[in-house]
């Protein structure tokens, strides 16, 4: 399947009534990989996730043919720093973006922020910090340019607090050694719950950034509103 890193597809399962139950899932694997990877959580009462968690190897799932989505590099204006701001399973599209060599060609620093409630929800940490830096194609650029910043709200952790609070207070920027976000240098992509998107957009707007109004019209930051079933 051909797709741009950061895009999503609809995936689902055939139901007893003969109709498929479909949900939007961002592709977590980069477009040069030979497989497709998705990042989901087990939601006991979720119509689709309650079924997905019981799948076995060889079971069939339905995947839409046409990937889409707003979190693509071409829809950002040029800049120095790229902030990838996510909560929960909103990390998924950014796992694809940070494995795209072009990301490091376009930006001097790439800041991957992942906000969760509990430490055991800090997904892909070992993969990001230990596996990806060894990649033969982009490992050197990643080691030089990627800043990984996971933060937890309800348990002790190396970084604590909500991303929006850490941005407002300036702690995020002092922690990573960069100046506060400004419209000249900084670009961002957002993926998370509707409330996270709204609040983070308010923060970015207060810094002077302007959202891309629609697909194929570049902006200072991008929002993905097609989020996975919670």
N, C-alpha and C. Protein backbone atom coordinates (compact mmCIF):
# COMPACT_ATOMS: atom_id res chain seq x y z
N UNK A 1 0.84 -1.19 0.00
CA UNK A 1 0.00 0.00 0.00
C UNK A 1 0.88 1.25 0.00
N UNK A 2 0.58 2.18 -0.89
CA UNK A 2 1.33 3.43 -0.97
C UNK A 2 0.66 4.46 -0.06
N UNK A 3 1.46 5.11 0.79
CA UNK A 3 0.91 6.14 1.66
C UNK A 3 2.02 7.11 2.05
N UNK A 4 1.60 8.27 2.51
CA UNK A 4 2.55 9.25 3.04
C UNK A 4 2.67 9.03 4.54
N UNK A 5 3.89 9.12 5.07
CA UNK A 5 4.07 8.94 6.50
C UNK A 5 3.23 9.95 7.26
N UNK A 6 2.49 9.46 8.26
CA UNK A 6 1.58 10.29 9.03
C UNK A 6 0.11 10.10 8.68
N UNK A 7 -0.17 9.37 7.60
CA UNK A 7 -1.55 9.17 7.18
C UNK A 7 -2.23 8.03 7.93
N UNK A 8 -3.56 7.92 7.75
CA UNK A 8 -4.32 6.84 8.37
C UNK A 8 -5.16 6.11 7.33
N UNK A 9 -5.63 4.93 7.71
CA UNK A 9 -6.57 4.17 6.91
C UNK A 9 -7.74 3.77 7.80
N UNK A 10 -8.79 3.28 7.19
CA UNK A 10 -9.89 2.68 7.94
C UNK A 10 -9.61 1.18 8.03
N UNK A 11 -9.67 0.64 9.23
CA UNK A 11 -9.55 -0.80 9.38
C UNK A 11 -10.77 -1.31 10.14
N UNK A 12 -11.12 -2.57 9.90
CA UNK A 12 -12.31 -3.09 10.55
C UNK A 12 -12.47 -4.58 10.39
N UNK A 13 -13.61 -5.05 10.89
CA UNK A 13 -13.92 -6.47 10.87
C UNK A 13 -15.34 -6.67 10.35
N UNK A 14 -15.53 -7.76 9.62
CA UNK A 14 -16.86 -8.12 9.14
C UNK A 14 -17.73 -8.50 10.33
N UNK A 15 -18.97 -8.01 10.35
CA UNK A 15 -19.88 -8.28 11.46
C UNK A 15 -20.93 -9.31 11.06
N UNK A 16 -21.59 -9.91 12.07
CA UNK A 16 -22.61 -10.93 11.77
C UNK A 16 -23.72 -10.43 10.85
N UNK A 17 -23.99 -9.12 10.88
CA UNK A 17 -25.05 -8.58 10.01
C UNK A 17 -24.59 -8.41 8.56
N UNK A 18 -23.33 -8.80 8.29
CA UNK A 18 -22.82 -8.72 6.93
C UNK A 18 -22.14 -7.41 6.60
N UNK A 19 -22.20 -6.46 7.51
CA UNK A 19 -21.56 -5.16 7.28
C UNK A 19 -20.26 -5.07 8.07
N UNK A 20 -19.26 -4.40 7.53
CA UNK A 20 -18.01 -4.22 8.28
C UNK A 20 -18.13 -3.09 9.29
N UNK A 21 -17.49 -3.27 10.44
CA UNK A 21 -17.37 -2.21 11.44
C UNK A 21 -15.98 -1.60 11.28
N UNK A 22 -15.92 -0.31 10.89
CA UNK A 22 -14.65 0.31 10.52
C UNK A 22 -14.33 1.48 11.46
N UNK A 23 -13.03 1.68 11.71
CA UNK A 23 -12.55 2.82 12.49
C UNK A 23 -11.26 3.34 11.84
N UNK A 24 -10.97 4.61 12.07
CA UNK A 24 -9.74 5.21 11.55
C UNK A 24 -8.57 4.86 12.45
N UNK A 25 -7.50 4.36 11.84
CA UNK A 25 -6.27 4.06 12.57
C UNK A 25 -5.08 4.62 11.80
N UNK A 26 -4.26 5.41 12.49
CA UNK A 26 -3.03 5.89 11.86
C UNK A 26 -2.06 4.74 11.65
N UNK A 27 -1.30 4.81 10.58
CA UNK A 27 -0.29 3.79 10.30
C UNK A 27 0.97 4.15 11.08
N UNK A 28 1.40 3.24 11.96
CA UNK A 28 2.55 3.51 12.83
C UNK A 28 3.87 3.16 12.16
N UNK A 29 3.82 2.35 11.12
CA UNK A 29 5.05 1.95 10.43
C UNK A 29 5.34 2.93 9.30
N UNK A 30 6.61 3.12 8.93
CA UNK A 30 6.95 4.03 7.84
C UNK A 30 6.62 3.43 6.48
N UNK A 31 6.53 4.28 5.46
CA UNK A 31 6.07 3.79 4.16
C UNK A 31 7.12 2.98 3.40
N UNK A 32 8.33 2.86 3.95
CA UNK A 32 9.33 1.99 3.30
C UNK A 32 9.31 0.57 3.88
N UNK A 33 8.55 0.36 4.94
CA UNK A 33 8.47 -0.98 5.54
C UNK A 33 7.62 -1.91 4.66
N UNK A 34 7.85 -3.20 4.82
CA UNK A 34 7.10 -4.18 4.04
C UNK A 34 5.81 -4.61 4.73
N UNK A 35 5.59 -4.13 5.95
CA UNK A 35 4.36 -4.47 6.67
C UNK A 35 3.68 -3.19 7.14
N UNK A 36 2.41 -3.32 7.52
CA UNK A 36 1.68 -2.21 8.12
C UNK A 36 1.55 -2.46 9.62
N UNK A 37 1.82 -1.45 10.42
CA UNK A 37 1.70 -1.59 11.87
C UNK A 37 0.71 -0.56 12.39
N UNK A 38 -0.12 -0.99 13.34
CA UNK A 38 -1.09 -0.09 13.97
C UNK A 38 -0.92 -0.15 15.48
N UNK A 39 -1.26 0.93 16.15
CA UNK A 39 -1.13 1.04 17.60
C UNK A 39 -2.52 1.20 18.18
N UNK A 40 -2.97 0.18 18.93
CA UNK A 40 -4.31 0.20 19.51
C UNK A 40 -4.22 -0.13 20.99
N UNK A 41 -5.25 0.26 21.73
CA UNK A 41 -5.35 -0.12 23.13
C UNK A 41 -6.59 -0.98 23.32
N UNK A 42 -6.59 -1.77 24.38
CA UNK A 42 -7.73 -2.64 24.66
C UNK A 42 -8.79 -1.86 25.42
N UNK A 43 -9.90 -1.62 24.75
CA UNK A 43 -11.04 -0.95 25.38
C UNK A 43 -12.14 -2.00 25.54
N UNK A 44 -12.43 -2.43 26.78
CA UNK A 44 -13.37 -3.54 26.98
C UNK A 44 -14.72 -3.33 26.29
N UNK A 45 -15.24 -2.10 26.32
CA UNK A 45 -16.57 -1.84 25.75
C UNK A 45 -16.51 -1.21 24.36
N UNK A 46 -15.31 -1.09 23.80
CA UNK A 46 -15.20 -0.50 22.47
C UNK A 46 -15.75 -1.44 21.41
N UNK A 47 -16.64 -0.96 20.55
CA UNK A 47 -17.25 -1.85 19.55
C UNK A 47 -16.24 -2.61 18.70
N UNK A 48 -15.15 -1.92 18.29
CA UNK A 48 -14.16 -2.59 17.45
C UNK A 48 -13.00 -3.15 18.26
N UNK A 49 -12.47 -2.36 19.20
CA UNK A 49 -11.29 -2.83 19.95
C UNK A 49 -11.60 -4.08 20.77
N UNK A 50 -12.86 -4.22 21.21
CA UNK A 50 -13.21 -5.41 21.98
C UNK A 50 -13.11 -6.67 21.11
N UNK A 51 -13.19 -6.49 19.79
CA UNK A 51 -13.02 -7.62 18.87
C UNK A 51 -11.57 -7.75 18.40
N UNK A 52 -10.93 -6.62 18.14
CA UNK A 52 -9.55 -6.65 17.63
C UNK A 52 -8.61 -7.36 18.60
N UNK A 53 -8.83 -7.19 19.90
CA UNK A 53 -7.89 -7.75 20.87
C UNK A 53 -7.92 -9.27 20.91
N UNK A 54 -8.94 -9.87 20.30
CA UNK A 54 -9.02 -11.34 20.29
C UNK A 54 -8.57 -11.94 18.96
N UNK A 55 -8.07 -11.11 18.04
CA UNK A 55 -7.62 -11.63 16.76
C UNK A 55 -6.40 -12.54 16.93
N UNK A 56 -6.33 -13.54 16.08
CA UNK A 56 -5.18 -14.45 16.06
C UNK A 56 -4.47 -14.29 14.71
N UNK A 57 -3.23 -14.72 14.65
CA UNK A 57 -2.48 -14.67 13.40
C UNK A 57 -3.22 -15.45 12.33
N UNK A 58 -3.40 -14.84 11.18
CA UNK A 58 -4.12 -15.48 10.09
C UNK A 58 -5.56 -15.01 9.96
N UNK A 59 -6.11 -14.37 11.00
CA UNK A 59 -7.46 -13.83 10.91
C UNK A 59 -7.49 -12.65 9.93
N UNK A 60 -8.62 -12.48 9.27
CA UNK A 60 -8.73 -11.42 8.28
C UNK A 60 -9.26 -10.13 8.88
N UNK A 61 -8.66 -9.01 8.48
CA UNK A 61 -9.21 -7.70 8.79
C UNK A 61 -9.40 -6.95 7.47
N UNK A 62 -10.28 -5.96 7.51
CA UNK A 62 -10.57 -5.16 6.32
C UNK A 62 -9.79 -3.85 6.42
N UNK A 63 -9.11 -3.46 5.36
CA UNK A 63 -8.36 -2.21 5.33
C UNK A 63 -8.78 -1.42 4.10
N UNK A 64 -9.12 -0.15 4.30
CA UNK A 64 -9.52 0.69 3.17
C UNK A 64 -8.35 0.87 2.21
N UNK A 65 -8.67 1.07 0.95
CA UNK A 65 -7.64 1.12 -0.08
C UNK A 65 -6.94 2.47 -0.16
N UNK A 66 -7.60 3.53 0.32
CA UNK A 66 -7.05 4.87 0.11
C UNK A 66 -6.65 5.51 1.44
N UNK A 67 -5.35 5.57 1.73
CA UNK A 67 -4.90 6.29 2.92
C UNK A 67 -5.18 7.78 2.78
N UNK A 68 -5.39 8.45 3.90
CA UNK A 68 -5.60 9.89 3.89
C UNK A 68 -5.11 10.46 5.21
N UNK A 69 -5.28 11.75 5.39
CA UNK A 69 -4.88 12.36 6.65
C UNK A 69 -4.13 13.66 6.44
N UNK A 70 -4.10 14.45 7.49
CA UNK A 70 -3.54 15.80 7.41
C UNK A 70 -2.12 15.90 7.95
N UNK A 71 -1.62 14.86 8.60
CA UNK A 71 -0.30 14.95 9.25
C UNK A 71 0.82 14.57 8.30
N UNK A 72 0.99 15.37 7.26
CA UNK A 72 2.03 15.10 6.26
C UNK A 72 2.96 16.30 6.16
N UNK A 73 4.24 16.03 5.96
CA UNK A 73 5.26 17.08 5.95
C UNK A 73 4.98 18.18 4.94
N UNK A 74 4.43 17.81 3.79
CA UNK A 74 4.21 18.79 2.73
C UNK A 74 3.21 19.87 3.11
N UNK A 75 2.39 19.61 4.14
CA UNK A 75 1.39 20.59 4.54
C UNK A 75 1.89 21.53 5.63
N UNK A 76 3.18 21.45 5.95
CA UNK A 76 3.80 22.38 6.90
C UNK A 76 4.65 23.40 6.16
N UNK A 77 4.61 24.63 6.63
CA UNK A 77 5.53 25.64 6.11
C UNK A 77 6.95 25.27 6.56
N UNK A 78 7.98 25.71 5.85
CA UNK A 78 9.35 25.43 6.27
C UNK A 78 9.63 26.01 7.66
N UNK A 79 10.49 25.33 8.41
CA UNK A 79 10.85 25.80 9.74
C UNK A 79 12.10 25.11 10.24
N UNK A 80 12.51 25.43 11.48
CA UNK A 80 13.71 24.83 12.07
C UNK A 80 13.38 23.64 12.95
N UNK A 81 12.31 23.77 13.74
CA UNK A 81 11.99 22.75 14.73
C UNK A 81 10.59 22.19 14.46
N UNK A 82 10.46 20.87 14.54
CA UNK A 82 9.17 20.21 14.35
C UNK A 82 8.75 19.56 15.66
N UNK A 83 7.64 20.05 16.23
CA UNK A 83 7.07 19.46 17.44
C UNK A 83 5.98 18.46 17.05
N UNK A 84 6.15 17.22 17.50
CA UNK A 84 5.15 16.17 17.29
C UNK A 84 4.47 15.95 18.64
N UNK A 85 3.26 16.49 18.80
CA UNK A 85 2.59 16.53 20.09
C UNK A 85 1.46 15.52 20.12
N UNK A 86 1.57 14.53 21.01
CA UNK A 86 0.59 13.44 21.02
C UNK A 86 0.22 13.05 22.44
N UNK A 87 -0.98 12.48 22.57
CA UNK A 87 -1.38 11.82 23.81
C UNK A 87 -1.94 10.45 23.45
N UNK A 88 -1.73 9.47 24.34
CA UNK A 88 -2.28 8.14 24.15
C UNK A 88 -1.87 7.51 22.83
N UNK A 89 -2.86 6.94 22.14
CA UNK A 89 -2.58 6.29 20.86
C UNK A 89 -2.33 7.30 19.74
N UNK A 90 -2.45 8.58 20.05
CA UNK A 90 -2.10 9.62 19.08
C UNK A 90 -0.63 9.61 18.71
N UNK A 91 0.16 8.80 19.42
CA UNK A 91 1.57 8.64 19.06
C UNK A 91 1.75 7.97 17.70
N UNK A 92 0.78 7.16 17.29
CA UNK A 92 0.93 6.28 16.12
C UNK A 92 1.45 6.98 14.86
N UNK A 93 0.82 8.05 14.38
CA UNK A 93 1.31 8.63 13.12
C UNK A 93 2.72 9.18 13.24
N UNK A 94 3.12 9.58 14.44
CA UNK A 94 4.45 10.15 14.62
C UNK A 94 5.53 9.08 14.66
N UNK A 95 5.15 7.84 14.95
CA UNK A 95 6.11 6.75 14.82
C UNK A 95 6.49 6.57 13.36
N UNK A 96 5.55 6.85 12.48
CA UNK A 96 5.83 6.81 11.04
C UNK A 96 6.68 8.00 10.62
N UNK A 97 6.33 9.19 11.13
CA UNK A 97 7.03 10.42 10.74
C UNK A 97 8.49 10.41 11.19
N UNK A 98 8.78 9.89 12.40
CA UNK A 98 10.17 9.93 12.89
C UNK A 98 11.04 8.87 12.21
N UNK A 99 10.41 7.97 11.43
CA UNK A 99 11.19 7.00 10.67
C UNK A 99 11.29 7.39 9.19
N UNK A 100 10.95 8.63 8.89
CA UNK A 100 11.03 9.16 7.53
C UNK A 100 12.30 9.99 7.42
N UNK A 101 13.28 9.57 6.61
CA UNK A 101 14.51 10.36 6.47
C UNK A 101 14.27 11.81 6.08
N UNK A 102 13.20 12.06 5.33
CA UNK A 102 12.91 13.42 4.88
C UNK A 102 12.61 14.35 6.05
N UNK A 103 12.07 13.80 7.14
CA UNK A 103 11.79 14.61 8.33
C UNK A 103 13.06 15.30 8.81
N UNK A 104 14.16 14.57 8.79
CA UNK A 104 15.43 15.11 9.30
C UNK A 104 16.13 16.00 8.27
N UNK A 105 15.74 15.85 7.01
CA UNK A 105 16.27 16.75 5.99
C UNK A 105 15.62 18.13 6.07
N UNK A 106 14.37 18.15 6.53
CA UNK A 106 13.62 19.41 6.55
C UNK A 106 13.80 20.20 7.85
N UNK A 107 14.13 19.52 8.95
CA UNK A 107 14.15 20.21 10.25
C UNK A 107 15.46 19.97 10.98
N UNK A 108 15.89 20.99 11.73
CA UNK A 108 17.12 20.90 12.52
C UNK A 108 16.91 20.08 13.79
N UNK A 109 15.72 20.19 14.38
CA UNK A 109 15.37 19.40 15.56
C UNK A 109 13.94 18.89 15.40
N UNK A 110 13.72 17.65 15.85
CA UNK A 110 12.40 17.03 15.83
C UNK A 110 12.09 16.62 17.27
N UNK A 111 11.04 17.20 17.84
CA UNK A 111 10.73 16.97 19.25
C UNK A 111 9.47 16.10 19.34
N UNK A 112 9.64 14.86 19.77
CA UNK A 112 8.52 13.92 19.89
C UNK A 112 8.03 13.94 21.33
N UNK A 113 6.84 14.50 21.56
CA UNK A 113 6.25 14.58 22.89
C UNK A 113 5.07 13.62 22.98
N UNK A 114 5.05 12.81 24.04
CA UNK A 114 3.98 11.82 24.21
C UNK A 114 3.46 11.90 25.64
N UNK A 115 2.23 12.35 25.79
CA UNK A 115 1.62 12.48 27.11
C UNK A 115 0.68 11.31 27.40
N UNK A 116 0.86 10.70 28.58
CA UNK A 116 0.01 9.59 29.01
C UNK A 116 -0.29 9.75 30.50
N UNK A 117 -1.20 8.91 31.00
CA UNK A 117 -1.55 8.98 32.42
C UNK A 117 -0.60 8.16 33.28
N UNK A 118 -0.30 6.94 32.82
CA UNK A 118 0.49 6.01 33.64
C UNK A 118 1.76 5.58 32.90
N UNK A 119 2.76 5.19 33.69
CA UNK A 119 4.06 4.84 33.12
C UNK A 119 3.95 3.69 32.12
N UNK A 120 3.06 2.72 32.40
CA UNK A 120 2.96 1.57 31.49
C UNK A 120 2.30 1.93 30.17
N UNK A 121 1.85 3.17 30.02
CA UNK A 121 1.28 3.63 28.75
C UNK A 121 2.32 4.34 27.88
N UNK A 122 3.54 4.46 28.39
CA UNK A 122 4.62 5.07 27.59
C UNK A 122 5.06 4.04 26.55
N UNK A 123 4.42 4.07 25.40
CA UNK A 123 4.62 3.04 24.38
C UNK A 123 5.83 3.34 23.50
N UNK A 124 6.43 2.29 22.97
CA UNK A 124 7.53 2.38 21.98
C UNK A 124 8.81 2.99 22.55
N UNK A 125 8.91 3.14 23.85
CA UNK A 125 10.06 3.87 24.41
C UNK A 125 11.40 3.21 24.04
N UNK A 126 11.49 1.91 24.27
CA UNK A 126 12.74 1.21 23.97
C UNK A 126 13.04 1.25 22.47
N UNK A 127 11.99 1.11 21.67
CA UNK A 127 12.15 1.15 20.21
C UNK A 127 12.71 2.51 19.77
N UNK A 128 12.19 3.59 20.38
CA UNK A 128 12.62 4.94 20.01
C UNK A 128 14.04 5.22 20.48
N UNK A 129 14.35 4.81 21.71
CA UNK A 129 15.63 5.21 22.31
C UNK A 129 16.78 4.26 21.99
N UNK A 130 16.47 2.99 21.70
CA UNK A 130 17.54 2.02 21.50
C UNK A 130 17.59 1.45 20.08
N UNK A 131 16.44 1.17 19.50
CA UNK A 131 16.42 0.53 18.18
C UNK A 131 16.61 1.54 17.04
N UNK A 132 15.82 2.58 17.02
CA UNK A 132 15.86 3.53 15.89
C UNK A 132 17.21 4.22 15.73
N UNK A 133 17.92 4.57 16.81
CA UNK A 133 19.23 5.22 16.61
C UNK A 133 20.24 4.34 15.87
N UNK A 134 19.97 3.04 15.78
CA UNK A 134 20.89 2.14 15.09
C UNK A 134 20.52 1.94 13.62
N UNK A 135 19.43 2.57 13.17
CA UNK A 135 18.99 2.38 11.79
C UNK A 135 20.07 2.83 10.81
N UNK A 136 20.34 2.00 9.82
CA UNK A 136 21.45 2.30 8.90
C UNK A 136 21.17 3.47 7.97
N UNK A 137 19.90 3.79 7.76
CA UNK A 137 19.56 4.86 6.81
C UNK A 137 19.43 6.23 7.48
N UNK A 138 18.77 6.28 8.64
CA UNK A 138 18.53 7.59 9.26
C UNK A 138 18.97 7.64 10.72
N UNK A 139 19.62 6.59 11.21
CA UNK A 139 20.02 6.55 12.61
C UNK A 139 20.89 7.71 13.04
N UNK A 140 21.85 8.07 12.20
CA UNK A 140 22.76 9.16 12.55
C UNK A 140 22.01 10.49 12.65
N UNK A 141 21.13 10.75 11.70
CA UNK A 141 20.33 11.98 11.73
C UNK A 141 19.40 11.99 12.94
N UNK A 142 18.81 10.83 13.24
CA UNK A 142 17.91 10.73 14.39
C UNK A 142 18.66 11.00 15.69
N UNK A 143 19.84 10.43 15.83
CA UNK A 143 20.62 10.65 17.05
C UNK A 143 20.96 12.12 17.23
N UNK A 144 21.18 12.80 16.14
CA UNK A 144 21.58 14.21 16.18
C UNK A 144 20.39 15.16 16.36
N UNK A 145 19.22 14.76 15.83
CA UNK A 145 18.12 15.73 15.74
C UNK A 145 16.89 15.40 16.57
N UNK A 146 16.65 14.13 16.90
CA UNK A 146 15.41 13.77 17.59
C UNK A 146 15.53 13.99 19.10
N UNK A 147 14.57 14.71 19.66
CA UNK A 147 14.43 14.86 21.11
C UNK A 147 13.15 14.14 21.51
N UNK A 148 13.28 13.14 22.38
CA UNK A 148 12.13 12.34 22.80
C UNK A 148 11.72 12.78 24.20
N UNK A 149 10.44 13.15 24.37
CA UNK A 149 9.97 13.71 25.63
C UNK A 149 8.63 13.07 26.02
N UNK A 150 8.67 11.90 26.67
CA UNK A 150 7.44 11.33 27.22
C UNK A 150 7.12 11.98 28.56
N UNK A 151 5.86 12.15 28.87
CA UNK A 151 5.47 12.72 30.16
C UNK A 151 4.24 12.01 30.70
N UNK A 152 4.18 11.88 32.02
CA UNK A 152 3.14 11.11 32.71
C UNK A 152 2.43 12.03 33.70
N UNK A 153 1.10 11.87 33.82
CA UNK A 153 0.34 12.79 34.67
C UNK A 153 -0.05 12.21 36.02
N UNK A 154 -0.14 10.88 36.16
CA UNK A 154 -0.70 10.34 37.40
C UNK A 154 0.25 9.46 38.21
N UNK A 155 1.51 9.40 37.80
CA UNK A 155 2.51 8.61 38.52
C UNK A 155 3.84 9.34 38.47
N UNK A 156 4.74 9.05 39.42
CA UNK A 156 6.08 9.63 39.35
C UNK A 156 6.81 9.17 38.08
N UNK A 157 7.51 10.10 37.44
CA UNK A 157 8.22 9.80 36.19
C UNK A 157 9.27 10.88 35.98
N UNK A 158 10.15 10.65 35.03
CA UNK A 158 11.22 11.63 34.77
C UNK A 158 10.66 12.97 34.29
N UNK A 159 9.54 12.92 33.53
CA UNK A 159 8.81 14.13 33.14
C UNK A 159 7.37 13.96 33.62
N UNK A 160 6.86 14.94 34.32
CA UNK A 160 5.50 14.83 34.85
C UNK A 160 4.67 16.04 34.46
N UNK A 161 3.39 15.79 34.14
CA UNK A 161 2.47 16.88 33.84
C UNK A 161 1.88 16.78 32.45
N UNK A 162 0.84 17.55 32.24
CA UNK A 162 0.19 17.59 30.94
C UNK A 162 1.02 18.43 29.99
N UNK A 163 1.05 18.01 28.74
CA UNK A 163 1.87 18.72 27.75
C UNK A 163 1.50 20.20 27.66
N UNK A 164 0.21 20.48 27.69
CA UNK A 164 -0.21 21.88 27.56
C UNK A 164 0.29 22.71 28.74
N UNK A 165 0.23 22.15 29.96
CA UNK A 165 0.73 22.87 31.13
C UNK A 165 2.24 23.08 31.04
N UNK A 166 2.95 22.05 30.57
CA UNK A 166 4.41 22.15 30.45
C UNK A 166 4.82 23.17 29.39
N UNK A 167 3.98 23.33 28.38
CA UNK A 167 4.26 24.33 27.36
C UNK A 167 3.96 25.74 27.88
N UNK A 168 2.82 25.88 28.56
CA UNK A 168 2.46 27.20 29.08
C UNK A 168 3.48 27.71 30.10
N UNK A 169 3.93 26.81 30.97
CA UNK A 169 4.86 27.21 32.02
C UNK A 169 6.28 27.43 31.50
N UNK A 170 6.56 26.86 30.32
CA UNK A 170 7.91 26.95 29.76
C UNK A 170 8.82 25.82 30.18
N UNK A 171 8.32 24.93 31.07
CA UNK A 171 9.17 23.84 31.55
C UNK A 171 9.59 22.90 30.42
N UNK A 172 8.68 22.62 29.49
CA UNK A 172 9.02 21.75 28.37
C UNK A 172 10.24 22.30 27.64
N UNK A 173 10.25 23.58 27.38
CA UNK A 173 11.32 24.17 26.58
C UNK A 173 12.64 24.22 27.35
N UNK A 174 12.57 24.50 28.64
CA UNK A 174 13.81 24.49 29.43
C UNK A 174 14.35 23.07 29.55
N UNK A 175 13.45 22.08 29.65
CA UNK A 175 13.88 20.69 29.75
C UNK A 175 14.63 20.23 28.50
N UNK A 176 14.17 20.67 27.33
CA UNK A 176 14.77 20.19 26.08
C UNK A 176 15.84 21.14 25.54
N UNK A 177 16.00 22.28 26.20
CA UNK A 177 17.06 23.21 25.81
C UNK A 177 16.77 24.01 24.56
N UNK A 178 15.50 24.28 24.30
CA UNK A 178 15.12 25.10 23.15
C UNK A 178 14.30 26.30 23.62
N UNK A 179 14.32 27.40 22.87
CA UNK A 179 13.50 28.56 23.25
C UNK A 179 12.02 28.25 23.09
N UNK A 180 11.15 29.02 23.74
CA UNK A 180 9.71 28.82 23.58
C UNK A 180 9.30 28.86 22.10
N UNK A 181 8.23 28.19 21.79
CA UNK A 181 7.74 28.11 20.41
C UNK A 181 7.46 29.51 19.86
N UNK A 182 7.91 29.73 18.62
CA UNK A 182 7.62 30.99 17.94
C UNK A 182 7.32 30.69 16.47
N UNK A 183 6.53 31.56 15.82
CA UNK A 183 6.08 31.28 14.44
C UNK A 183 7.18 31.34 13.40
N UNK A 184 8.32 31.94 13.71
CA UNK A 184 9.41 32.01 12.74
C UNK A 184 10.10 30.65 12.58
N UNK A 185 10.32 29.97 13.69
CA UNK A 185 11.15 28.77 13.68
C UNK A 185 10.41 27.45 13.83
N UNK A 186 9.23 27.48 14.42
CA UNK A 186 8.63 26.23 14.92
C UNK A 186 7.38 25.81 14.16
N UNK A 187 7.30 24.50 13.94
CA UNK A 187 6.14 23.88 13.31
C UNK A 187 5.68 22.72 14.19
N UNK A 188 4.43 22.31 14.04
CA UNK A 188 3.92 21.26 14.92
C UNK A 188 2.87 20.41 14.22
N UNK A 189 2.77 19.18 14.69
CA UNK A 189 1.68 18.28 14.33
C UNK A 189 1.03 17.80 15.63
N UNK A 190 -0.30 17.67 15.63
CA UNK A 190 -1.04 17.29 16.82
C UNK A 190 -1.87 16.04 16.55
N UNK A 191 -1.86 15.11 17.49
CA UNK A 191 -2.74 13.94 17.38
C UNK A 191 -3.08 13.45 18.78
N UNK A 192 -4.38 13.38 19.07
CA UNK A 192 -4.84 12.93 20.38
C UNK A 192 -6.36 13.04 20.44
N UNK A 193 -6.88 13.15 21.64
CA UNK A 193 -8.32 13.25 21.83
C UNK A 193 -8.81 14.62 21.38
N UNK A 194 -10.11 14.76 21.12
CA UNK A 194 -10.63 16.08 20.71
C UNK A 194 -10.31 17.18 21.71
N UNK A 195 -10.40 16.88 23.01
CA UNK A 195 -10.10 17.90 24.02
C UNK A 195 -8.63 18.27 24.00
N UNK A 196 -7.75 17.29 23.78
CA UNK A 196 -6.32 17.57 23.69
C UNK A 196 -6.04 18.47 22.49
N UNK A 197 -6.67 18.15 21.36
CA UNK A 197 -6.45 18.95 20.15
C UNK A 197 -6.89 20.40 20.36
N UNK A 198 -8.04 20.57 20.99
CA UNK A 198 -8.56 21.92 21.20
C UNK A 198 -7.65 22.72 22.13
N UNK A 199 -7.24 22.09 23.24
CA UNK A 199 -6.43 22.81 24.22
C UNK A 199 -5.03 23.10 23.68
N UNK A 200 -4.45 22.12 23.00
CA UNK A 200 -3.10 22.33 22.45
C UNK A 200 -3.13 23.38 21.34
N UNK A 201 -4.19 23.38 20.56
CA UNK A 201 -4.34 24.42 19.53
C UNK A 201 -4.37 25.81 20.15
N UNK A 202 -5.08 25.94 21.27
CA UNK A 202 -5.14 27.23 21.96
C UNK A 202 -3.74 27.69 22.38
N UNK A 203 -2.95 26.73 22.89
CA UNK A 203 -1.59 27.06 23.33
C UNK A 203 -0.74 27.50 22.13
N UNK A 204 -0.81 26.74 21.04
CA UNK A 204 -0.02 27.08 19.85
C UNK A 204 -0.46 28.42 19.27
N UNK A 205 -1.76 28.67 19.28
CA UNK A 205 -2.25 29.96 18.79
C UNK A 205 -1.70 31.10 19.64
N UNK A 206 -1.61 30.87 20.96
CA UNK A 206 -1.10 31.91 21.85
C UNK A 206 0.38 32.20 21.58
N UNK A 207 1.08 31.22 21.02
CA UNK A 207 2.49 31.42 20.64
C UNK A 207 2.62 32.09 19.27
N UNK A 208 1.48 32.30 18.60
CA UNK A 208 1.51 32.98 17.31
C UNK A 208 1.48 32.07 16.10
N UNK A 209 1.29 30.76 16.31
CA UNK A 209 1.24 29.83 15.19
C UNK A 209 -0.16 29.79 14.59
N UNK A 210 -0.24 29.45 13.31
CA UNK A 210 -1.51 29.39 12.59
C UNK A 210 -1.71 28.00 12.03
N UNK A 211 -2.89 27.44 12.25
CA UNK A 211 -3.17 26.08 11.79
C UNK A 211 -3.37 26.05 10.27
N UNK A 212 -3.00 24.94 9.66
CA UNK A 212 -3.33 24.72 8.25
C UNK A 212 -4.84 24.62 8.12
N UNK A 213 -5.48 25.46 7.29
CA UNK A 213 -6.94 25.49 7.23
C UNK A 213 -7.56 24.25 6.60
N UNK A 214 -6.82 23.62 5.72
CA UNK A 214 -7.34 22.41 5.06
C UNK A 214 -6.17 21.69 4.40
N UNK A 215 -6.42 20.46 3.97
CA UNK A 215 -5.37 19.68 3.34
C UNK A 215 -4.82 20.39 2.12
N UNK A 216 -3.50 20.27 1.94
CA UNK A 216 -2.75 20.86 0.83
C UNK A 216 -2.62 22.37 0.91
N UNK A 217 -2.99 22.95 2.05
CA UNK A 217 -2.72 24.37 2.29
C UNK A 217 -1.80 24.46 3.50
N UNK A 218 -0.51 24.69 3.29
CA UNK A 218 0.46 24.64 4.39
C UNK A 218 0.17 25.65 5.49
N UNK A 219 0.46 25.21 6.72
CA UNK A 219 0.32 26.07 7.89
C UNK A 219 1.49 25.87 8.83
N UNK A 220 1.43 26.56 9.98
CA UNK A 220 2.47 26.40 11.00
C UNK A 220 2.28 25.10 11.77
N UNK A 221 1.02 24.67 11.89
CA UNK A 221 0.78 23.38 12.55
C UNK A 221 -0.41 22.66 11.94
N UNK A 222 -0.44 21.36 12.17
CA UNK A 222 -1.44 20.47 11.58
C UNK A 222 -2.16 19.69 12.68
N UNK A 223 -3.43 19.40 12.44
CA UNK A 223 -4.25 18.63 13.38
C UNK A 223 -4.83 17.42 12.68
N UNK A 224 -4.80 16.27 13.36
CA UNK A 224 -5.51 15.09 12.84
C UNK A 224 -6.75 14.88 13.70
N UNK A 225 -7.91 15.01 13.08
CA UNK A 225 -9.15 14.88 13.84
C UNK A 225 -9.77 13.48 13.74
N UNK A 226 -9.21 12.64 12.89
CA UNK A 226 -9.71 11.27 12.79
C UNK A 226 -8.95 10.42 13.80
N UNK A 227 -9.46 10.33 15.02
CA UNK A 227 -8.74 9.63 16.07
C UNK A 227 -9.34 8.25 16.29
N UNK A 228 -8.54 7.38 16.86
CA UNK A 228 -8.94 6.00 17.10
C UNK A 228 -10.02 5.95 18.17
N UNK A 229 -10.91 5.01 18.03
CA UNK A 229 -11.96 4.75 19.01
C UNK A 229 -11.35 4.64 20.41
N UNK A 230 -11.92 5.38 21.34
CA UNK A 230 -11.38 5.37 22.71
C UNK A 230 -12.20 4.47 23.61
